[in-house]
Amino acid sequence: MTSPDKIWTAGLVVIGDEILSGRTHDKNIAQVASWLQVQGIRLAEVRVVPDVESRIAEAVNALRQAYDYLFTTGGIGPTHDDITVDAVAAALGVPVIVHPEARAMLEKYYASRGMELTEARLRMARVPEGGELIPNRMSGAPGIKLGNIHLMAGVPHITAGMLDALTGTLEGGAPLLSETIGCWTAESEVAEILREVERAHANCQIGSYPFFRDGRVGANFVIRSTSREDLGSAVDTLCEALGDQGLDFTPGGI
């Protein structure tokens, strides 16, 4: 489902003390952002918050109102510090219930492995009242959708499965396309060129990403647009301008 004239946006709340302490390196921001781009939705803001109910609720309320969609990762597991469901329910002013379909999914999953559905595991069937389920083929415990909010696991490969289940279900705009041009130059030397090319192509944005490699300074210039025609025009203009300056550039980046 697409609405090409509207720019659809999303916020992301990454939840977990382990992320903030550095014990766990977050991988979900990049994969959520990449998935959203394919859906025609732009990740506009990310907040990383601790396992504190009030902080989670505050972030959820702020971002769900600011953007078309809100995603959360982390805090929907079986342990005492998995409190995302409680925090979202508090943010929305609804009770937490055991979802009958989620309970049935978990019973089937653990029975197939000769394991009991304990009280701890049953926590993964709890949802804010009114929530729908996001399928999870990896571990049986579903994600949760409620309005524009999507609660997902913190484990990256499980998050990926939940995103796959959501593919094609969210309304978005035209996917954001990109091309990269690499150049062995200091970005300060071509700042005016980048500015002029972007100004001449209203539907394009150019990001400059410098690097130091093999004793040399260089930069990759990433041009983004929802229009393939505008993107191609901006790429051609930038390459021509770099060439006019006698600079070596590499389509696709360095």
Protein backbone atom coordinates (compact mmCIF):
# COMPACT_ATOMS: atom_id res chain seq x y z
CA MET A 1 0.00 0.00 0.00
CA THR A 2 1.56 3.28 -1.07
CA SER A 3 0.66 6.98 -1.05
CA PRO A 4 3.47 8.50 -3.14
CA ASP A 5 2.64 12.14 -2.42
CA LYS A 6 3.01 11.81 1.35
CA ILE A 7 6.27 11.32 3.22
CA TRP A 8 5.55 8.66 5.82
CA THR A 9 7.68 8.64 8.94
CA ALA A 10 8.43 6.38 11.89
CA GLY A 11 10.04 6.60 15.30
CA LEU A 12 11.92 3.82 17.07
CA VAL A 13 12.34 3.22 20.80
CA VAL A 14 15.21 0.85 21.62
CA ILE A 15 14.65 -0.52 25.13
CA GLY A 16 17.17 -2.10 27.46
CA ASP A 17 19.75 -1.40 30.13
CA GLU A 18 22.10 -3.76 28.28
CA ILE A 19 22.16 -1.41 25.27
CA LEU A 20 22.93 1.65 27.38
CA SER A 21 25.64 -0.15 29.35
CA GLY A 22 27.40 -1.29 26.20
CA ARG A 23 27.10 -4.99 27.06
CA THR A 24 24.95 -5.48 23.96
CA HIS A 25 25.61 -3.72 20.68
CA ASP A 26 22.34 -2.72 19.03
CA LYS A 27 21.81 -4.06 15.52
CA ASN A 28 18.13 -3.31 15.22
CA ILE A 29 18.37 0.38 14.32
CA ALA A 30 20.05 -0.36 11.00
CA GLN A 31 17.79 -3.26 10.07
CA VAL A 32 14.59 -1.43 11.03
CA ALA A 33 15.72 1.67 9.09
CA SER A 34 16.57 -0.41 6.00
CA TRP A 35 13.28 -2.30 6.15
CA LEU A 36 11.30 0.91 6.55
CA GLN A 37 12.95 2.47 3.50
CA VAL A 38 11.78 -0.44 1.37
CA GLN A 39 8.25 0.12 2.73
CA GLY A 40 8.43 3.79 1.73
CA ILE A 41 8.68 4.94 5.35
CA ARG A 42 11.52 7.05 6.74
CA LEU A 43 12.97 6.44 10.17
CA ALA A 44 12.92 9.96 11.60
CA GLU A 45 14.00 9.51 15.23
CA VAL A 46 15.47 6.90 17.55
CA ARG A 47 15.47 6.95 21.36
CA VAL A 48 17.35 4.48 23.54
CA VAL A 49 15.76 4.15 26.97
CA PRO A 50 16.41 2.03 30.09
CA ASP A 51 14.20 -0.67 31.57
CA VAL A 52 12.18 1.91 33.48
CA GLU A 53 8.42 1.90 32.89
CA SER A 54 7.95 5.67 33.13
CA ARG A 55 10.81 6.36 30.70
CA ILE A 56 9.49 3.84 28.18
CA ALA A 57 5.96 5.25 28.44
CA GLU A 58 7.23 8.80 28.00
CA ALA A 59 9.17 7.92 24.85
CA VAL A 60 6.28 5.89 23.42
CA ASN A 61 3.78 8.71 23.89
CA ALA A 62 6.13 11.29 22.39
CA LEU A 63 7.05 9.33 19.28
CA ARG A 64 3.69 7.73 18.54
CA GLN A 65 2.20 11.21 18.34
CA ALA A 66 5.07 12.73 16.36
CA TYR A 67 5.23 10.14 13.57
CA ASP A 68 2.97 7.93 11.48
CA TYR A 69 4.37 4.76 13.02
CA LEU A 70 6.23 3.79 16.16
CA PHE A 71 8.35 0.68 16.62
CA THR A 72 9.88 -0.61 19.83
CA THR A 73 12.54 -3.30 20.22
CA GLY A 74 13.24 -5.16 23.43
CA GLY A 75 11.46 -5.88 26.68
CA ILE A 76 8.76 -8.33 25.57
CA GLY A 77 10.42 -11.52 26.88
CA PRO A 78 9.68 -13.75 29.91
CA THR A 79 11.79 -12.14 32.64
CA HIS A 80 10.90 -9.62 35.35
CA ASP A 81 12.69 -6.77 33.59
CA ASP A 82 10.71 -7.26 30.37
CA ILE A 83 8.26 -4.45 31.01
CA THR A 84 7.57 -2.97 27.59
CA VAL A 85 4.02 -4.32 27.48
CA ASP A 86 3.24 -2.79 30.88
CA ALA A 87 4.82 0.53 29.88
CA VAL A 88 2.89 0.77 26.60
CA ALA A 89 -0.36 -0.15 28.36
CA ALA A 90 0.33 2.60 30.91
CA ALA A 91 1.10 5.08 28.13
CA LEU A 92 -2.22 4.31 26.44
CA GLY A 93 -4.25 4.00 29.63
CA VAL A 94 -5.39 0.42 28.95
CA PRO A 95 -5.05 -2.77 31.02
CA VAL A 96 -2.76 -5.70 30.23
CA ILE A 97 -4.46 -8.97 29.30
CA VAL A 98 -3.36 -12.47 28.34
CA HIS A 99 -4.17 -12.71 24.64
CA PRO A 100 -5.90 -16.08 24.02
CA GLU A 101 -4.35 -16.54 20.57
CA ALA A 102 -0.89 -15.73 21.91
CA ARG A 103 -1.37 -18.23 24.72
CA ALA A 104 -2.40 -20.90 22.23
CA MET A 105 0.67 -20.15 20.09
CA LEU A 106 2.97 -20.53 23.08
CA GLU A 107 1.26 -23.74 24.28
CA LYS A 108 1.73 -25.27 20.84
CA TYR A 109 5.33 -24.09 20.57
CA TYR A 110 6.46 -25.44 23.93
CA ALA A 111 4.43 -28.65 23.64
CA SER A 112 6.18 -29.41 20.35
CA ARG A 113 9.47 -29.27 22.25
CA GLY A 114 8.26 -31.30 25.22
CA MET A 115 8.33 -28.26 27.47
CA GLU A 116 5.80 -26.73 29.86
CA LEU A 117 4.21 -23.31 29.45
CA THR A 118 5.36 -21.86 32.76
CA GLU A 119 4.15 -18.62 34.33
CA ALA A 120 7.34 -16.92 33.15
CA ARG A 121 6.79 -18.06 29.55
CA LEU A 122 3.14 -17.07 29.76
CA ARG A 123 4.32 -13.48 30.26
CA MET A 124 5.03 -13.47 26.53
CA ALA A 125 1.28 -13.79 25.86
CA ARG A 126 0.52 -10.54 27.71
CA VAL A 127 -0.59 -7.62 25.53
CA PRO A 128 -2.11 -4.18 26.09
CA GLU A 129 -5.86 -4.62 25.69
CA GLY A 130 -6.89 -4.17 22.06
CA GLY A 131 -3.53 -5.33 20.71
CA GLU A 132 -3.15 -7.59 17.68
CA LEU A 133 -0.37 -10.12 17.19
CA ILE A 134 2.69 -9.95 14.93
CA PRO A 135 3.67 -13.51 13.97
CA ASN A 136 7.04 -14.85 15.09
CA ARG A 137 8.17 -18.05 13.40
CA MET A 138 11.47 -18.11 15.28
CA SER A 139 10.48 -18.58 18.92
CA GLY A 140 6.69 -18.70 19.09
CA ALA A 141 6.33 -15.52 21.16
CA PRO A 142 4.55 -12.94 19.00
CA GLY A 143 5.10 -9.25 18.61
CA ILE A 144 2.23 -6.84 19.20
CA LYS A 145 0.51 -4.21 17.08
CA LEU A 146 -1.74 -1.61 18.67
CA GLY A 147 -2.82 1.36 16.57
CA ASN A 148 0.35 2.78 15.04
CA ILE A 149 2.59 1.07 17.64
CA HIS A 150 4.54 -2.09 16.86
CA LEU A 151 6.25 -3.94 19.73
CA MET A 152 9.02 -6.27 18.62
CA ALA A 153 11.68 -8.46 20.15
CA GLY A 154 15.14 -7.18 20.95
CA VAL A 155 16.99 -10.20 19.52
CA PRO A 156 17.90 -9.08 15.98
CA HIS A 157 17.10 -12.29 14.08
CA ILE A 158 13.70 -12.49 15.79
CA THR A 159 13.09 -8.81 15.02
CA ALA A 160 13.91 -9.56 11.38
CA GLY A 161 11.25 -12.28 11.31
CA MET A 162 8.65 -9.93 12.76
CA LEU A 163 9.53 -7.27 10.18
CA ASP A 164 9.15 -9.88 7.47
CA ALA A 165 5.66 -10.68 8.79
CA LEU A 166 4.78 -6.97 8.56
CA THR A 167 6.09 -6.53 5.02
CA GLY A 168 3.42 -5.08 2.76
CA THR A 169 0.95 -4.40 5.58
CA LEU A 170 1.84 -0.76 6.31
CA GLU A 171 0.88 2.18 4.18
CA GLY A 172 3.90 4.08 2.93
CA GLY A 173 5.11 6.35 0.18
CA ALA A 174 7.56 5.83 -2.65
CA PRO A 175 10.70 3.97 -1.52
CA LEU A 176 13.76 6.14 -0.97
CA LEU A 177 16.37 5.39 -3.64
CA SER A 178 20.07 6.15 -3.31
CA GLU A 179 23.30 6.28 -5.29
CA THR A 180 26.82 6.72 -3.93
CA ILE A 181 29.74 8.56 -5.51
CA GLY A 182 33.18 8.12 -3.93
CA CYS A 183 35.94 10.69 -4.33
CA TRP A 184 39.50 11.08 -3.05
CA THR A 185 39.08 14.59 -1.73
CA ALA A 186 38.45 16.40 1.52
CA GLU A 187 34.74 17.11 1.78
CA SER A 188 35.52 20.75 2.60
CA GLU A 189 36.96 21.09 -0.92
CA VAL A 190 33.66 20.20 -2.56
CA ALA A 191 31.16 21.52 0.00
CA GLU A 192 29.96 24.27 -2.35
CA ILE A 193 29.55 21.80 -5.22
CA LEU A 194 27.41 19.53 -3.04
CA ARG A 195 25.33 22.49 -1.91
CA GLU A 196 24.73 23.68 -5.48
CA VAL A 197 23.80 20.23 -6.78
CA GLU A 198 21.32 19.70 -3.95
CA ARG A 199 19.85 23.17 -4.46
CA ALA A 200 19.34 22.43 -8.17
CA HIS A 201 17.53 19.16 -7.42
CA ALA A 202 14.74 19.92 -4.96
CA ASN A 203 13.66 16.27 -4.65
CA CYS A 204 17.12 15.05 -3.70
CA GLN A 205 19.21 15.07 -0.53
CA ILE A 206 22.99 14.64 -0.48
CA GLY A 207 24.91 13.31 2.51
CA SER A 208 28.70 13.53 2.74
CA TYR A 209 30.61 10.84 4.66
CA PRO A 210 34.37 11.45 4.98
CA PHE A 211 36.96 8.74 5.66
CA PHE A 212 40.71 8.31 6.03
CA ARG A 213 42.12 5.25 4.30
CA ASP A 214 45.53 4.11 3.11
CA GLY A 215 46.99 7.41 4.21
CA ARG A 216 44.53 9.39 2.07
CA VAL A 217 41.48 11.52 2.77
CA GLY A 218 38.31 10.81 0.87
CA ALA A 219 34.53 10.99 1.07
CA ASN A 220 31.49 9.13 -0.14
CA PHE A 221 28.59 11.27 -1.32
CA VAL A 222 25.19 9.57 -0.98
CA ILE A 223 22.37 11.04 -3.06
CA ARG A 224 18.83 10.08 -2.06
CA SER A 225 15.48 10.65 -3.76
CA THR A 226 12.11 9.02 -4.23
CA SER A 227 12.34 9.83 -7.96
CA ARG A 228 14.65 7.71 -10.07
CA GLU A 229 14.72 10.40 -12.76
CA ASP A 230 15.69 13.16 -10.30
CA LEU A 231 18.24 10.88 -8.68
CA GLY A 232 19.89 10.15 -12.03
CA SER A 233 19.99 13.83 -12.91
CA ALA A 234 21.63 14.74 -9.60
CA VAL A 235 24.21 11.96 -9.96
CA ASP A 236 25.11 13.11 -13.47
CA THR A 237 25.38 16.74 -12.35
CA LEU A 238 27.61 15.86 -9.40
CA CYS A 239 29.89 13.66 -11.47
CA GLU A 240 30.24 16.38 -14.09
CA ALA A 241 31.05 18.98 -11.45
CA LEU A 242 33.66 16.75 -9.81
CA GLY A 243 35.21 16.04 -13.18
CA ASP A 244 35.37 19.74 -13.98
CA GLN A 245 37.44 20.16 -10.82
CA GLY A 246 39.86 17.50 -12.01
CA LEU A 247 38.85 15.11 -9.23
CA ASP A 248 38.80 11.32 -9.53
CA PHE A 249 35.45 9.85 -8.54
CA THR A 250 34.07 6.35 -8.36
CA PRO A 251 30.39 5.53 -8.97
CA GLY A 252 29.21 3.16 -6.27
CA GLY A 253 31.51 4.63 -3.66
CA ILE A 254 35.00 3.89 -2.39
